[in-house]
Amino acid sequence: MKTALILIDIQEEYFEKGALELVNPIPASENAKKILEHFRKENGTIVHVQHISGEGVPFFVPGTQGVEIHENVKPLDGEKVITKQYPNSFRDTDLLEYLQSREITHLVIAGMMTHMCIDAGTRAAFDFGFQCTVIGDACATMDLHINGQDITAADVHNAFLAGLEFFYAKIQTTNQYLLS
């Protein structure tokens, strides 16, 4: 089984002073960094996914600090960077072709936001035939609000990970993955 690491949208926009600040993005990025360092040490396939919004969208604006990949997981020269405009990392990108060209069958996924791009990308990956592992503590999300109810980021995060684990992915912590 050939494995690739997919780091989705670990960008400045989600950190302090960003337009979409998440709950606990620093610990998530630090865990993603541990996974990234492991893949670098093993000369594994690494893909950084970077969201850049289209015209008129007030976040991930091209040319701003918000679109920059966070320093904890900055790509090195030679590491693949894919830009996207949709939650699904495969939509209108060359991600699928790139992974297929390397005969990848298993994806290790981490990043932001659990309830949006992690969910969409993982489900799409599974539908394309990849075995998926999501590193839950290397992902982050935000508090949400619906029908007069507030939902904490922890509840959003856990609910989406539980939904993915039900059918689409194995969910592990950073330590579980690194020790397996």
N, C-alpha and C. Protein backbone atom coordinates (compact mmCIF):
# COMPACT_ATOMS: atom_id res chain seq x y z
N MET A 1 0.85 -1.18 0.00
CA MET A 1 0.00 0.00 0.00
C MET A 1 0.90 1.24 0.00
N LYS A 2 0.72 2.11 -0.99
CA LYS A 2 1.49 3.35 -1.07
C LYS A 2 0.66 4.48 -0.45
N THR A 3 1.30 5.20 0.44
CA THR A 3 0.61 6.21 1.24
C THR A 3 1.11 7.61 0.91
N ALA A 4 0.19 8.57 0.95
CA ALA A 4 0.53 9.98 0.80
C ALA A 4 -0.09 10.77 1.95
N LEU A 5 0.58 11.82 2.34
CA LEU A 5 0.07 12.76 3.34
C LEU A 5 -0.58 13.92 2.60
N ILE A 6 -1.81 14.23 2.98
CA ILE A 6 -2.53 15.37 2.41
C ILE A 6 -2.79 16.36 3.55
N LEU A 7 -2.16 17.52 3.49
CA LEU A 7 -2.37 18.58 4.48
C LEU A 7 -3.27 19.63 3.84
N ILE A 8 -4.48 19.75 4.38
CA ILE A 8 -5.50 20.59 3.76
C ILE A 8 -5.65 21.93 4.50
N ASP A 9 -5.37 23.00 3.80
CA ASP A 9 -5.72 24.37 4.22
C ASP A 9 -5.19 24.77 5.60
N ILE A 10 -3.99 24.39 5.93
CA ILE A 10 -3.42 24.87 7.20
C ILE A 10 -2.80 26.23 6.90
N GLN A 11 -3.69 27.22 6.81
CA GLN A 11 -3.34 28.54 6.32
C GLN A 11 -3.60 29.61 7.39
N GLU A 12 -2.91 30.72 7.24
CA GLU A 12 -2.95 31.82 8.21
C GLU A 12 -4.36 32.33 8.48
N GLU A 13 -5.25 32.23 7.52
CA GLU A 13 -6.62 32.73 7.68
C GLU A 13 -7.32 32.10 8.89
N TYR A 14 -6.89 30.89 9.27
CA TYR A 14 -7.53 30.15 10.36
C TYR A 14 -6.89 30.40 11.73
N PHE A 15 -5.84 31.20 11.77
CA PHE A 15 -5.12 31.45 13.02
C PHE A 15 -5.46 32.84 13.56
N GLU A 16 -4.90 33.18 14.70
CA GLU A 16 -5.18 34.47 15.34
C GLU A 16 -5.03 35.61 14.34
N LYS A 17 -6.00 36.48 14.31
CA LYS A 17 -6.09 37.65 13.42
C LYS A 17 -6.49 37.30 12.00
N GLY A 18 -6.77 36.03 11.73
CA GLY A 18 -7.27 35.65 10.42
C GLY A 18 -8.76 35.90 10.34
N ALA A 19 -9.29 35.93 9.14
CA ALA A 19 -10.71 36.21 8.93
C ALA A 19 -11.62 35.07 9.39
N LEU A 20 -11.06 33.85 9.52
CA LEU A 20 -11.86 32.68 9.92
C LEU A 20 -11.16 31.94 11.07
N GLU A 21 -10.83 32.65 12.12
CA GLU A 21 -10.07 32.04 13.22
C GLU A 21 -10.80 30.83 13.80
N LEU A 22 -10.10 29.73 13.90
CA LEU A 22 -10.65 28.49 14.43
C LEU A 22 -10.35 28.35 15.92
N VAL A 23 -10.93 27.35 16.53
CA VAL A 23 -10.64 27.02 17.92
C VAL A 23 -9.44 26.06 17.93
N ASN A 24 -8.41 26.42 18.64
CA ASN A 24 -7.19 25.62 18.82
C ASN A 24 -6.46 25.24 17.53
N PRO A 25 -6.23 26.20 16.63
CA PRO A 25 -5.51 25.85 15.41
C PRO A 25 -4.03 25.55 15.65
N ILE A 26 -3.42 26.16 16.67
CA ILE A 26 -1.99 25.94 16.92
C ILE A 26 -1.72 24.48 17.30
N PRO A 27 -2.42 23.91 18.30
CA PRO A 27 -2.15 22.49 18.61
C PRO A 27 -2.39 21.56 17.41
N ALA A 28 -3.41 21.84 16.63
CA ALA A 28 -3.68 21.02 15.45
C ALA A 28 -2.51 21.13 14.46
N SER A 29 -2.01 22.35 14.25
CA SER A 29 -0.91 22.54 13.31
C SER A 29 0.38 21.90 13.82
N GLU A 30 0.56 21.90 15.14
CA GLU A 30 1.75 21.26 15.72
C GLU A 30 1.69 19.75 15.52
N ASN A 31 0.51 19.17 15.65
CA ASN A 31 0.37 17.74 15.39
C ASN A 31 0.55 17.43 13.91
N ALA A 32 0.01 18.28 13.05
CA ALA A 32 0.21 18.10 11.62
C ALA A 32 1.70 18.17 11.28
N LYS A 33 2.42 19.05 11.97
CA LYS A 33 3.87 19.16 11.75
C LYS A 33 4.58 17.86 12.11
N LYS A 34 4.16 17.20 13.18
CA LYS A 34 4.77 15.92 13.56
C LYS A 34 4.56 14.87 12.47
N ILE A 35 3.36 14.83 11.94
CA ILE A 35 3.06 13.89 10.86
C ILE A 35 3.88 14.24 9.62
N LEU A 36 3.95 15.53 9.30
CA LEU A 36 4.72 16.00 8.15
C LEU A 36 6.20 15.62 8.31
N GLU A 37 6.75 15.84 9.48
CA GLU A 37 8.16 15.49 9.72
C GLU A 37 8.39 14.00 9.54
N HIS A 38 7.44 13.18 9.97
CA HIS A 38 7.53 11.73 9.78
C HIS A 38 7.57 11.40 8.28
N PHE A 39 6.69 11.99 7.49
CA PHE A 39 6.66 11.72 6.05
C PHE A 39 7.94 12.21 5.37
N ARG A 40 8.45 13.35 5.82
CA ARG A 40 9.70 13.85 5.25
C ARG A 40 10.85 12.90 5.55
N LYS A 41 10.92 12.43 6.78
CA LYS A 41 11.98 11.50 7.19
C LYS A 41 11.91 10.21 6.38
N GLU A 42 10.70 9.76 6.07
CA GLU A 42 10.49 8.52 5.32
C GLU A 42 10.49 8.74 3.80
N ASN A 43 10.75 9.98 3.37
CA ASN A 43 10.69 10.33 1.94
C ASN A 43 9.34 9.97 1.32
N GLY A 44 8.28 10.20 2.09
CA GLY A 44 6.93 9.90 1.63
C GLY A 44 6.38 10.97 0.71
N THR A 45 5.29 10.63 0.05
CA THR A 45 4.60 11.59 -0.81
C THR A 45 3.82 12.56 0.06
N ILE A 46 4.02 13.84 -0.18
CA ILE A 46 3.40 14.90 0.61
C ILE A 46 2.70 15.86 -0.35
N VAL A 47 1.45 16.18 -0.02
CA VAL A 47 0.70 17.17 -0.80
C VAL A 47 0.14 18.22 0.15
N HIS A 48 0.45 19.47 -0.12
CA HIS A 48 -0.13 20.60 0.61
C HIS A 48 -1.27 21.13 -0.25
N VAL A 49 -2.42 21.30 0.36
CA VAL A 49 -3.57 21.88 -0.34
C VAL A 49 -3.79 23.28 0.21
N GLN A 50 -3.91 24.24 -0.68
CA GLN A 50 -4.04 25.65 -0.31
C GLN A 50 -5.29 26.23 -0.95
N HIS A 51 -6.17 26.75 -0.09
CA HIS A 51 -7.40 27.35 -0.59
C HIS A 51 -7.14 28.80 -0.97
N ILE A 52 -7.52 29.15 -2.18
CA ILE A 52 -7.46 30.54 -2.66
C ILE A 52 -8.83 30.86 -3.22
N SER A 53 -9.47 31.87 -2.65
CA SER A 53 -10.85 32.19 -3.05
C SER A 53 -10.91 32.93 -4.37
N GLY A 54 -12.08 32.81 -4.98
CA GLY A 54 -12.35 33.55 -6.20
C GLY A 54 -12.71 34.99 -5.88
N GLU A 55 -12.93 35.75 -6.90
CA GLU A 55 -13.24 37.16 -6.78
C GLU A 55 -14.49 37.40 -5.93
N GLY A 56 -14.41 38.40 -5.05
CA GLY A 56 -15.56 38.80 -4.25
C GLY A 56 -15.72 38.06 -2.93
N VAL A 57 -14.88 37.08 -2.66
CA VAL A 57 -14.95 36.34 -1.40
C VAL A 57 -14.01 37.03 -0.41
N PRO A 58 -14.48 37.31 0.83
CA PRO A 58 -13.69 38.13 1.76
C PRO A 58 -12.61 37.39 2.55
N PHE A 59 -12.34 36.14 2.24
CA PHE A 59 -11.27 35.42 2.93
C PHE A 59 -10.51 34.58 1.91
N PHE A 60 -9.29 34.19 2.27
CA PHE A 60 -8.38 33.50 1.35
C PHE A 60 -8.19 34.30 0.06
N VAL A 61 -8.06 35.60 0.24
CA VAL A 61 -7.91 36.52 -0.89
C VAL A 61 -6.49 36.39 -1.45
N PRO A 62 -6.36 36.18 -2.75
CA PRO A 62 -5.03 36.07 -3.35
C PRO A 62 -4.15 37.26 -2.98
N GLY A 63 -2.89 36.98 -2.67
CA GLY A 63 -1.94 38.03 -2.36
C GLY A 63 -1.96 38.52 -0.92
N THR A 64 -2.86 37.97 -0.09
CA THR A 64 -2.91 38.39 1.31
C THR A 64 -2.20 37.37 2.20
N GLN A 65 -1.90 37.79 3.42
CA GLN A 65 -1.27 36.90 4.40
C GLN A 65 -2.16 35.70 4.70
N GLY A 66 -3.48 35.88 4.64
CA GLY A 66 -4.41 34.82 4.98
C GLY A 66 -4.28 33.56 4.14
N VAL A 67 -3.84 33.69 2.89
CA VAL A 67 -3.71 32.50 2.03
C VAL A 67 -2.42 31.73 2.28
N GLU A 68 -1.49 32.33 2.99
CA GLU A 68 -0.19 31.69 3.21
C GLU A 68 -0.33 30.44 4.07
N ILE A 69 0.40 29.40 3.71
CA ILE A 69 0.44 28.18 4.52
C ILE A 69 1.20 28.48 5.80
N HIS A 70 0.66 28.04 6.93
CA HIS A 70 1.22 28.34 8.25
C HIS A 70 2.66 27.84 8.37
N GLU A 71 3.46 28.60 9.09
CA GLU A 71 4.88 28.29 9.24
C GLU A 71 5.13 26.89 9.81
N ASN A 72 4.22 26.36 10.60
CA ASN A 72 4.44 25.02 11.18
C ASN A 72 4.48 23.92 10.13
N VAL A 73 3.87 24.15 8.99
CA VAL A 73 3.81 23.12 7.94
C VAL A 73 4.19 23.67 6.56
N LYS A 74 4.98 24.71 6.53
CA LYS A 74 5.37 25.32 5.24
C LYS A 74 5.97 24.27 4.32
N PRO A 75 5.54 24.28 3.06
CA PRO A 75 6.11 23.32 2.10
C PRO A 75 7.60 23.58 1.85
N LEU A 76 8.32 22.51 1.67
CA LEU A 76 9.71 22.61 1.24
C LEU A 76 9.74 22.59 -0.28
N ASP A 77 10.83 23.06 -0.86
CA ASP A 77 10.99 22.99 -2.31
C ASP A 77 10.81 21.54 -2.75
N GLY A 78 10.03 21.35 -3.78
CA GLY A 78 9.80 20.01 -4.30
C GLY A 78 8.55 19.34 -3.78
N GLU A 79 7.98 19.84 -2.68
CA GLU A 79 6.73 19.27 -2.17
C GLU A 79 5.57 19.84 -2.97
N LYS A 80 4.66 18.96 -3.33
CA LYS A 80 3.52 19.34 -4.17
C LYS A 80 2.58 20.28 -3.43
N VAL A 81 2.21 21.38 -4.07
CA VAL A 81 1.20 22.30 -3.55
C VAL A 81 0.09 22.39 -4.58
N ILE A 82 -1.12 22.10 -4.14
CA ILE A 82 -2.29 22.17 -5.00
C ILE A 82 -3.17 23.30 -4.49
N THR A 83 -3.59 24.19 -5.38
CA THR A 83 -4.51 25.24 -4.97
C THR A 83 -5.92 24.84 -5.39
N LYS A 84 -6.88 25.25 -4.57
CA LYS A 84 -8.27 24.90 -4.82
C LYS A 84 -9.16 26.09 -4.49
N GLN A 85 -10.41 26.01 -4.97
CA GLN A 85 -11.40 27.04 -4.67
C GLN A 85 -12.66 26.46 -4.05
N TYR A 86 -12.69 25.17 -3.82
CA TYR A 86 -13.87 24.50 -3.27
C TYR A 86 -13.46 23.66 -2.06
N PRO A 87 -14.41 23.31 -1.20
CA PRO A 87 -14.08 22.47 -0.04
C PRO A 87 -13.45 21.12 -0.42
N ASN A 88 -13.89 20.52 -1.50
CA ASN A 88 -13.37 19.24 -1.96
C ASN A 88 -12.04 19.46 -2.67
N SER A 89 -10.97 18.94 -2.12
CA SER A 89 -9.62 19.14 -2.68
C SER A 89 -9.44 18.54 -4.06
N PHE A 90 -10.32 17.66 -4.47
CA PHE A 90 -10.23 17.02 -5.78
C PHE A 90 -10.94 17.83 -6.88
N ARG A 91 -11.88 18.68 -6.49
CA ARG A 91 -12.69 19.39 -7.48
C ARG A 91 -11.87 20.45 -8.21
N ASP A 92 -11.81 20.31 -9.53
CA ASP A 92 -11.11 21.26 -10.39
C ASP A 92 -9.63 21.43 -10.03
N THR A 93 -9.01 20.34 -9.55
CA THR A 93 -7.56 20.34 -9.28
C THR A 93 -6.96 19.10 -9.94
N ASP A 94 -5.64 19.00 -9.88
CA ASP A 94 -4.97 17.81 -10.41
C ASP A 94 -4.61 16.81 -9.32
N LEU A 95 -5.25 16.91 -8.16
CA LEU A 95 -4.91 16.03 -7.03
C LEU A 95 -5.09 14.56 -7.40
N LEU A 96 -6.22 14.19 -7.96
CA LEU A 96 -6.46 12.78 -8.29
C LEU A 96 -5.41 12.26 -9.26
N GLU A 97 -5.14 13.00 -10.31
CA GLU A 97 -4.16 12.58 -11.29
C GLU A 97 -2.77 12.45 -10.68
N TYR A 98 -2.42 13.39 -9.82
CA TYR A 98 -1.11 13.34 -9.16
C TYR A 98 -0.98 12.08 -8.30
N LEU A 99 -1.99 11.79 -7.50
CA LEU A 99 -1.95 10.60 -6.64
C LEU A 99 -1.92 9.33 -7.47
N GLN A 100 -2.73 9.27 -8.51
CA GLN A 100 -2.75 8.09 -9.38
C GLN A 100 -1.42 7.89 -10.08
N SER A 101 -0.77 8.96 -10.48
CA SER A 101 0.53 8.86 -11.16
C SER A 101 1.59 8.28 -10.25
N ARG A 102 1.39 8.39 -8.95
CA ARG A 102 2.33 7.85 -7.97
C ARG A 102 1.84 6.52 -7.39
N GLU A 103 0.74 6.02 -7.94
CA GLU A 103 0.15 4.75 -7.51
C GLU A 103 -0.19 4.74 -6.01
N ILE A 104 -0.65 5.87 -5.51
CA ILE A 104 -1.04 6.01 -4.10
C ILE A 104 -2.38 5.30 -3.90
N THR A 105 -2.50 4.56 -2.80
CA THR A 105 -3.75 3.87 -2.47
C THR A 105 -4.30 4.26 -1.11
N HIS A 106 -3.47 4.90 -0.27
CA HIS A 106 -3.87 5.26 1.10
C HIS A 106 -3.52 6.72 1.34
N LEU A 107 -4.44 7.46 1.91
CA LEU A 107 -4.21 8.86 2.24
C LEU A 107 -4.26 9.07 3.74
N VAL A 108 -3.30 9.81 4.25
CA VAL A 108 -3.32 10.30 5.62
C VAL A 108 -3.66 11.77 5.51
N ILE A 109 -4.75 12.17 6.17
CA ILE A 109 -5.32 13.50 5.96
C ILE A 109 -5.33 14.27 7.28
N ALA A 110 -4.92 15.53 7.20
CA ALA A 110 -4.97 16.44 8.35
C ALA A 110 -5.21 17.84 7.82
N GLY A 111 -5.72 18.72 8.70
CA GLY A 111 -5.88 20.10 8.28
C GLY A 111 -7.11 20.78 8.83
N MET A 112 -7.62 21.70 8.06
CA MET A 112 -8.67 22.59 8.53
C MET A 112 -9.69 22.83 7.42
N MET A 113 -10.89 22.98 7.65
CA MET A 113 -11.72 22.83 8.82
C MET A 113 -12.32 21.41 8.82
N THR A 114 -12.41 20.82 9.99
CA THR A 114 -12.92 19.46 10.10
C THR A 114 -14.28 19.32 9.45
N HIS A 115 -15.17 20.27 9.71
CA HIS A 115 -16.55 20.15 9.24
C HIS A 115 -16.75 20.53 7.77
N MET A 116 -15.72 21.01 7.13
CA MET A 116 -15.87 21.48 5.76
C MET A 116 -14.88 20.77 4.84
N CYS A 117 -13.67 21.25 4.75
CA CYS A 117 -12.72 20.72 3.77
C CYS A 117 -12.17 19.35 4.13
N ILE A 118 -11.99 19.05 5.40
CA ILE A 118 -11.55 17.70 5.79
C ILE A 118 -12.66 16.71 5.45
N ASP A 119 -13.87 17.03 5.82
CA ASP A 119 -15.01 16.16 5.53
C ASP A 119 -15.18 15.96 4.02
N ALA A 120 -15.24 17.05 3.28
CA ALA A 120 -15.46 16.96 1.83
C ALA A 120 -14.34 16.21 1.13
N GLY A 121 -13.09 16.51 1.49
CA GLY A 121 -11.95 15.86 0.85
C GLY A 121 -11.86 14.38 1.17
N THR A 122 -12.14 14.02 2.42
CA THR A 122 -12.08 12.62 2.82
C THR A 122 -13.15 11.80 2.12
N ARG A 123 -14.35 12.32 2.09
CA ARG A 123 -15.45 11.59 1.42
C ARG A 123 -15.16 11.42 -0.07
N ALA A 124 -14.63 12.47 -0.70
CA ALA A 124 -14.30 12.37 -2.13
C ALA A 124 -13.18 11.36 -2.34
N ALA A 125 -12.17 11.39 -1.49
CA ALA A 125 -11.05 10.44 -1.61
C ALA A 125 -11.55 9.01 -1.52
N PHE A 126 -12.40 8.75 -0.55
CA PHE A 126 -12.98 7.41 -0.41
C PHE A 126 -13.74 7.02 -1.67
N ASP A 127 -14.54 7.94 -2.19
CA ASP A 127 -15.31 7.66 -3.40
C ASP A 127 -14.42 7.39 -4.61
N PHE A 128 -13.19 7.93 -4.60
CA PHE A 128 -12.24 7.66 -5.67
C PHE A 128 -11.44 6.38 -5.42
N GLY A 129 -11.75 5.68 -4.32
CA GLY A 129 -11.13 4.39 -4.06
C GLY A 129 -9.94 4.39 -3.12
N PHE A 130 -9.65 5.52 -2.50
CA PHE A 130 -8.53 5.57 -1.55
C PHE A 130 -8.96 5.07 -0.18
N GLN A 131 -8.05 4.39 0.50
CA GLN A 131 -8.23 4.10 1.92
C GLN A 131 -7.78 5.37 2.64
N CYS A 132 -8.54 5.82 3.63
CA CYS A 132 -8.25 7.10 4.28
C CYS A 132 -8.04 6.94 5.78
N THR A 133 -7.07 7.67 6.30
CA THR A 133 -6.87 7.83 7.72
C THR A 133 -6.86 9.33 8.00
N VAL A 134 -7.72 9.77 8.90
CA VAL A 134 -7.75 11.18 9.29
C VAL A 134 -7.10 11.28 10.67
N ILE A 135 -6.16 12.20 10.80
CA ILE A 135 -5.49 12.43 12.08
C ILE A 135 -6.31 13.49 12.82
N GLY A 136 -7.20 13.03 13.69
CA GLY A 136 -8.19 13.90 14.31
C GLY A 136 -7.62 15.06 15.09
N ASP A 137 -6.51 14.82 15.82
CA ASP A 137 -5.95 15.91 16.62
C ASP A 137 -5.02 16.81 15.81
N ALA A 138 -4.94 16.55 14.51
CA ALA A 138 -4.21 17.42 13.59
C ALA A 138 -5.19 18.16 12.68
N CYS A 139 -6.43 18.27 13.16
CA CYS A 139 -7.49 19.01 12.46
C CYS A 139 -8.11 20.00 13.45
N ALA A 140 -8.71 21.03 12.94
CA ALA A 140 -9.39 22.01 13.80
C ALA A 140 -10.61 22.55 13.07
N THR A 141 -11.53 23.11 13.85
CA THR A 141 -12.73 23.69 13.29
C THR A 141 -13.18 24.86 14.16
N MET A 142 -14.41 25.31 13.98
CA MET A 142 -14.91 26.49 14.70
C MET A 142 -16.27 26.18 15.32
N ASP A 143 -16.68 27.06 16.22
CA ASP A 143 -18.04 26.99 16.75
C ASP A 143 -19.00 27.30 15.60
N LEU A 144 -20.14 26.64 15.60
CA LEU A 144 -21.16 26.90 14.59
C LEU A 144 -22.48 27.27 15.25
N HIS A 145 -23.38 27.78 14.45
CA HIS A 145 -24.68 28.23 14.95
C HIS A 145 -25.74 27.82 13.93
N ILE A 146 -26.83 27.21 14.41
CA ILE A 146 -27.93 26.85 13.52
C ILE A 146 -29.24 26.84 14.30
N ASN A 147 -30.26 27.39 13.70
CA ASN A 147 -31.61 27.40 14.30
C ASN A 147 -31.62 27.85 15.76
N GLY A 148 -30.88 28.91 16.04
CA GLY A 148 -30.85 29.45 17.40
C GLY A 148 -30.01 28.67 18.38
N GLN A 149 -29.30 27.67 17.91
CA GLN A 149 -28.46 26.86 18.80
C GLN A 149 -26.99 27.07 18.48
N ASP A 150 -26.19 27.16 19.53
CA ASP A 150 -24.75 27.23 19.38
C ASP A 150 -24.17 25.83 19.51
N ILE A 151 -23.27 25.48 18.63
CA ILE A 151 -22.60 24.18 18.69
C ILE A 151 -21.12 24.46 18.86
N THR A 152 -20.52 23.93 19.92
CA THR A 152 -19.12 24.18 20.18
C THR A 152 -18.24 23.53 19.12
N ALA A 153 -17.08 24.09 18.93
CA ALA A 153 -16.12 23.52 17.98
C ALA A 153 -15.80 22.07 18.34
N ALA A 154 -15.68 21.77 19.62
CA ALA A 154 -15.38 20.39 20.05
C ALA A 154 -16.50 19.45 19.60
N ASP A 155 -17.75 19.87 19.76
CA ASP A 155 -18.86 19.02 19.34
C ASP A 155 -18.91 18.89 17.82
N VAL A 156 -18.68 19.98 17.11
CA VAL A 156 -18.65 19.93 15.65
C VAL A 156 -17.55 18.97 15.19
N HIS A 157 -16.36 19.16 15.74
CA HIS A 157 -15.19 18.35 15.38
C HIS A 157 -15.46 16.86 15.62
N ASN A 158 -15.91 16.54 16.82
CA ASN A 158 -16.15 15.14 17.16
C ASN A 158 -17.28 14.53 16.35
N ALA A 159 -18.32 15.28 16.08
CA ALA A 159 -19.43 14.75 15.29
C ALA A 159 -18.98 14.44 13.86
N PHE A 160 -18.21 15.34 13.26
CA PHE A 160 -17.76 15.09 11.89
C PHE A 160 -16.76 13.95 11.83
N LEU A 161 -15.86 13.86 12.80
CA LEU A 161 -14.92 12.73 12.82
C LEU A 161 -15.67 11.42 13.01
N ALA A 162 -16.67 11.43 13.89
CA ALA A 162 -17.47 10.21 14.11
C ALA A 162 -18.20 9.81 12.84
N GLY A 163 -18.72 10.79 12.12
CA GLY A 163 -19.39 10.51 10.85
C GLY A 163 -18.43 9.92 9.83
N LEU A 164 -17.22 10.44 9.75
CA LEU A 164 -16.23 9.90 8.82
C LEU A 164 -15.82 8.48 9.22
N GLU A 165 -15.63 8.27 10.51
CA GLU A 165 -15.20 6.95 10.98
C GLU A 165 -16.26 5.88 10.77
N PHE A 166 -17.50 6.29 10.74
CA PHE A 166 -18.59 5.34 10.55
C PHE A 166 -18.43 4.56 9.25
N PHE A 167 -17.87 5.21 8.21
CA PHE A 167 -17.80 4.53 6.91
C PHE A 167 -16.58 4.92 6.07
N TYR A 168 -16.13 6.17 6.16
CA TYR A 168 -15.18 6.71 5.19
C TYR A 168 -13.71 6.64 5.56
N ALA A 169 -13.40 6.60 6.85
CA ALA A 169 -11.99 6.72 7.23
C ALA A 169 -11.73 6.12 8.60
N LYS A 170 -10.49 5.77 8.80
CA LYS A 170 -10.01 5.40 10.13
C LYS A 170 -9.60 6.72 10.78
N ILE A 171 -9.99 6.93 12.01
CA ILE A 171 -9.62 8.15 12.73
C ILE A 171 -8.58 7.78 13.78
N GLN A 172 -7.45 8.48 13.76
CA GLN A 172 -6.39 8.24 14.73
C GLN A 172 -5.88 9.56 15.27
N THR A 173 -5.24 9.48 16.44
CA THR A 173 -4.50 10.64 16.96
C THR A 173 -3.11 10.63 16.32
N THR A 174 -2.41 11.71 16.50
CA THR A 174 -1.04 11.79 16.01
C THR A 174 -0.19 10.66 16.58
N ASN A 175 -0.25 10.48 17.89
CA ASN A 175 0.55 9.43 18.53
C ASN A 175 0.16 8.04 18.06
N GLN A 176 -1.15 7.79 17.92
CA GLN A 176 -1.56 6.48 17.42
C GLN A 176 -0.98 6.22 16.04
N TYR A 177 -1.02 7.20 15.17
CA TYR A 177 -0.49 7.01 13.83
C TYR A 177 1.02 6.79 13.86
N LEU A 178 1.73 7.63 14.59
CA LEU A 178 3.20 7.54 14.60
C LEU A 178 3.70 6.26 15.26
N LEU A 179 2.92 5.70 16.17
CA LEU A 179 3.32 4.48 16.87
C LEU A 179 2.85 3.21 16.17
N SER A 180 2.05 3.37 15.11
CA SER A 180 1.50 2.16 14.44
C SER A 180 2.46 1.63 13.37
